[in-house]
Amino acid sequence: MFRRIAIGLIVAVAGLTIAGSADARRRHPIDATPFSHAPCSVLSGRPCTPSFCSVLNRGPCIPEIDYPYGENLQLTIESAPAKDDEAKYQKPDHDLDNIGDLFAALRSCWTPPQAQAAKEGMQMTVRFSFKRSGDMIGPPRVTYATAGVPADVRDGYFKAINASLDACVPLKFTGSLGGALAGRPIAIRYVDNREIDKQKATP
């Protein structure tokens, strides 16, 4: 008799516990998304990942996969590279298969303005993206230029950047690299480290 009562009490307690847990889950659903990848708004006070999706989508969106090369590829190109870096400025003689190949191809494209129209120490950063085919998605956009530089000098560098990139595209990507790069932003900082003042002073 006592055994039946004890078993009945155990079953009743277990039932209440399960029901309570189910009710708690309904009231406080468990987010299976890791907090570091959880989408959020700019006003959110917790660690999260900004999300982008269609205006027709009811809920937040997160990328299906993490981009293996980082969200923003960044490259610095000097007008006069050091001798130790000259190999990095040689265009690969094969289809571009990795980020090193891409950077070398972009470095090899650069032709700075003539000394008469240039400024020593000038820096300009542009941002753009590639299609899978190796063409650019739209023209480059200037995101930074050295302050205090005359407008004609700034325009000269921007024209030189556009001309250099136009002469190189479309780049020949392998299928894997083209798929990984397509639509990803690339920021290139051009640095004119030539001794331009000395060149101008030389008759």
Protein backbone atom coordinates (compact mmCIF):
# COMPACT_ATOMS: atom_id res chain seq x y z
CA MET A 1 0.00 0.00 0.00
CA PHE A 2 2.72 2.47 1.06
CA ARG A 3 4.79 1.40 -1.94
CA ARG A 4 1.95 2.30 -4.34
CA ILE A 5 1.50 5.68 -2.65
CA ALA A 6 5.26 6.40 -2.88
CA ILE A 7 5.35 5.44 -6.58
CA GLY A 8 2.29 7.59 -7.23
CA LEU A 9 3.91 10.60 -5.55
CA ILE A 10 7.13 10.14 -7.55
CA VAL A 11 5.19 9.97 -10.83
CA ALA A 12 3.17 13.07 -9.90
CA VAL A 13 6.27 15.08 -8.98
CA ALA A 14 8.03 14.04 -12.20
CA GLY A 15 4.99 15.04 -14.23
CA LEU A 16 4.83 18.46 -12.60
CA THR A 17 8.57 18.99 -13.20
CA ILE A 18 8.31 18.14 -16.91
CA ALA A 19 5.25 20.32 -17.33
CA GLY A 20 6.97 23.22 -15.58
CA SER A 21 10.07 22.88 -17.80
CA ALA A 22 7.93 22.83 -20.94
CA ASP A 23 6.04 25.89 -19.78
CA ALA A 24 9.31 27.71 -19.03
CA ARG A 25 10.59 26.91 -22.51
CA ARG A 26 7.42 28.33 -24.01
CA ARG A 27 7.78 31.52 -21.98
CA HIS A 28 11.57 31.78 -22.44
CA PRO A 29 12.52 30.07 -25.73
CA ILE A 30 16.12 28.92 -25.98
CA ASP A 31 18.11 30.70 -28.67
CA ALA A 32 20.20 28.08 -30.44
CA THR A 33 22.28 30.77 -32.13
CA PRO A 34 25.58 31.42 -30.33
CA PHE A 35 25.56 34.87 -28.74
CA SER A 36 28.57 36.00 -30.73
CA HIS A 37 26.66 35.46 -33.98
CA ALA A 38 23.26 36.61 -32.79
CA PRO A 39 21.77 39.36 -34.94
CA CYS A 40 20.91 42.67 -33.30
CA SER A 41 20.26 46.35 -33.81
CA VAL A 42 22.73 49.18 -33.27
CA LEU A 43 20.94 49.95 -30.01
CA SER A 44 21.51 46.49 -28.58
CA GLY A 45 23.68 46.33 -25.49
CA ARG A 46 24.90 42.78 -25.91
CA PRO A 47 27.55 41.08 -28.06
CA CYS A 48 26.06 40.37 -31.46
CA THR A 49 26.58 40.50 -35.19
CA PRO A 50 24.93 43.21 -37.33
CA SER A 51 22.53 41.58 -39.75
CA PHE A 52 21.45 42.42 -43.27
CA CYS A 53 18.33 41.14 -44.99
CA SER A 54 15.49 42.07 -47.28
CA VAL A 55 12.92 44.64 -46.14
CA LEU A 56 10.36 41.93 -46.90
CA ASN A 57 11.89 39.57 -44.35
CA ARG A 58 10.04 39.55 -41.02
CA GLY A 59 12.93 38.41 -38.88
CA PRO A 60 16.63 39.20 -38.53
CA CYS A 61 19.09 37.55 -40.88
CA ILE A 62 22.53 36.13 -40.21
CA PRO A 63 25.10 34.87 -42.73
CA GLU A 64 24.81 31.19 -43.55
CA ILE A 65 28.57 30.74 -43.15
CA ASP A 66 31.42 32.74 -41.68
CA TYR A 67 33.59 34.34 -44.36
CA PRO A 68 37.00 32.63 -44.12
CA TYR A 69 39.06 35.72 -45.03
CA GLY A 70 37.40 38.23 -42.72
CA GLU A 71 34.63 40.65 -43.52
CA ASN A 72 36.86 43.29 -45.04
CA LEU A 73 40.01 42.57 -47.06
CA GLN A 74 42.60 45.30 -46.56
CA LEU A 75 45.68 45.93 -48.66
CA THR A 76 48.37 48.63 -48.72
CA ILE A 77 50.08 49.44 -52.02
CA GLU A 78 53.22 51.61 -52.07
CA SER A 79 54.38 53.53 -55.12
CA ALA A 80 58.01 52.65 -54.35
CA PRO A 81 58.09 49.27 -52.59
CA ALA A 82 61.15 48.18 -50.65
CA LYS A 83 63.49 45.75 -52.41
CA ASP A 84 62.51 43.03 -49.96
CA ASP A 85 58.88 43.42 -51.08
CA GLU A 86 59.46 43.54 -54.84
CA ALA A 87 58.35 39.92 -55.25
CA LYS A 88 54.96 40.83 -53.78
CA TYR A 89 54.47 43.32 -56.63
CA GLN A 90 54.92 40.75 -59.42
CA LYS A 91 51.73 39.64 -61.17
CA PRO A 92 51.22 35.85 -60.89
CA ASP A 93 51.54 33.93 -64.17
CA HIS A 94 48.56 31.70 -63.35
CA ASP A 95 44.91 32.04 -62.40
CA LEU A 96 44.58 33.70 -59.00
CA ASP A 97 43.95 30.97 -56.44
CA ASN A 98 44.42 32.64 -53.05
CA ILE A 99 44.52 36.01 -51.31
CA GLY A 100 48.28 36.33 -51.80
CA ASP A 101 47.80 35.98 -55.57
CA LEU A 102 45.03 38.59 -55.51
CA PHE A 103 47.10 41.10 -53.56
CA ALA A 104 50.13 40.59 -55.83
CA ALA A 105 47.96 41.16 -58.92
CA LEU A 106 46.48 44.35 -57.46
CA ARG A 107 49.91 45.65 -56.44
CA SER A 108 51.30 44.99 -59.91
CA CYS A 109 48.49 47.06 -61.45
CA TRP A 110 49.39 50.31 -59.72
CA THR A 111 50.82 53.15 -61.78
CA PRO A 112 51.08 56.36 -59.71
CA PRO A 113 50.68 59.85 -61.20
CA GLN A 114 53.69 61.59 -62.71
CA ALA A 115 55.85 63.44 -60.18
CA GLN A 116 54.70 66.85 -61.46
CA ALA A 117 51.09 66.05 -60.52
CA ALA A 118 51.87 64.04 -57.38
CA LYS A 119 52.43 64.80 -53.72
CA GLU A 120 54.98 63.10 -51.50
CA GLY A 121 53.33 61.14 -48.71
CA MET A 122 49.89 61.25 -50.34
CA GLN A 123 47.52 58.52 -49.20
CA MET A 124 44.17 57.50 -50.65
CA THR A 125 41.95 54.55 -49.77
CA VAL A 126 39.29 53.14 -52.06
CA ARG A 127 36.76 50.42 -51.53
CA PHE A 128 35.05 48.11 -54.01
CA SER A 129 34.03 44.50 -54.62
CA PHE A 130 34.60 41.88 -57.27
CA LYS A 131 32.17 39.69 -59.13
CA ARG A 132 32.83 35.98 -59.40
CA SER A 133 33.97 36.64 -62.98
CA GLY A 134 36.81 38.93 -61.85
CA ASP A 135 35.12 42.19 -62.90
CA MET A 136 34.43 44.95 -60.37
CA ILE A 137 30.96 45.58 -58.99
CA GLY A 138 30.70 49.26 -59.75
CA PRO A 139 33.50 51.85 -59.61
CA PRO A 140 35.81 52.24 -56.59
CA ARG A 141 34.65 54.62 -53.87
CA VAL A 142 37.06 56.89 -52.00
CA THR A 143 36.89 56.37 -48.24
CA TYR A 144 39.99 58.35 -47.23
CA ALA A 145 42.36 60.96 -48.67
CA THR A 146 45.18 62.89 -47.03
CA ALA A 147 43.82 66.10 -45.52
CA GLY A 148 44.84 69.47 -46.93
CA VAL A 149 45.68 68.17 -50.39
CA PRO A 150 44.53 70.37 -53.31
CA ALA A 151 41.48 69.08 -55.18
CA ASP A 152 43.35 68.69 -58.48
CA VAL A 153 46.01 66.48 -56.84
CA ARG A 154 43.33 64.39 -55.14
CA ASP A 155 41.48 64.00 -58.46
CA GLY A 156 44.74 63.03 -60.17
CA TYR A 157 45.31 60.16 -57.75
CA PHE A 158 41.72 58.97 -58.05
CA LYS A 159 41.99 58.96 -61.86
CA ALA A 160 45.27 57.03 -61.61
CA ILE A 161 43.65 54.44 -59.33
CA ASN A 162 40.70 53.99 -61.68
CA ALA A 163 42.96 53.75 -64.73
CA SER A 164 45.21 51.18 -63.02
CA LEU A 165 42.30 48.98 -61.97
CA ASP A 166 40.55 49.28 -65.34
CA ALA A 167 43.72 48.09 -67.06
CA CYS A 168 43.84 44.96 -64.89
CA VAL A 169 40.25 43.74 -64.76
CA PRO A 170 38.82 41.29 -65.26
CA LEU A 171 41.18 39.33 -63.04
CA LYS A 172 41.31 35.59 -63.64
CA PHE A 173 40.10 33.84 -60.48
CA THR A 174 39.91 30.13 -59.94
CA GLY A 175 36.40 28.92 -59.21
CA SER A 176 37.03 28.59 -55.49
CA LEU A 177 38.58 32.05 -55.05
CA GLY A 178 35.93 33.70 -57.24
CA GLY A 179 33.17 32.17 -55.15
CA ALA A 180 34.82 33.24 -51.89
CA LEU A 181 35.48 36.82 -52.99
CA ALA A 182 32.26 37.60 -54.85
CA GLY A 183 30.60 40.63 -53.27
CA ARG A 184 33.10 40.95 -50.43
CA PRO A 185 34.46 44.49 -49.80
CA ILE A 186 38.12 45.14 -50.53
CA ALA A 187 39.81 48.26 -49.15
CA ILE A 188 43.07 49.33 -50.81
CA ARG A 189 45.25 52.05 -49.29
CA TYR A 190 47.59 53.64 -51.83
CA VAL A 191 50.66 55.29 -50.32
CA ASP A 192 52.94 57.48 -52.44
CA ASN A 193 56.24 57.02 -50.65
CA ARG A 194 58.38 58.25 -53.56
CA GLU A 195 60.86 61.08 -52.95
CA ILE A 196 58.84 63.40 -55.15
CA ASP A 197 60.22 66.65 -53.74
CA LYS A 198 63.75 65.63 -54.77
CA GLN A 199 62.55 64.66 -58.24
CA LYS A 200 60.87 68.04 -58.70
CA ALA A 201 64.01 69.85 -57.52
CA THR A 202 66.21 68.00 -60.01
CA PRO A 203 66.53 70.04 -63.27
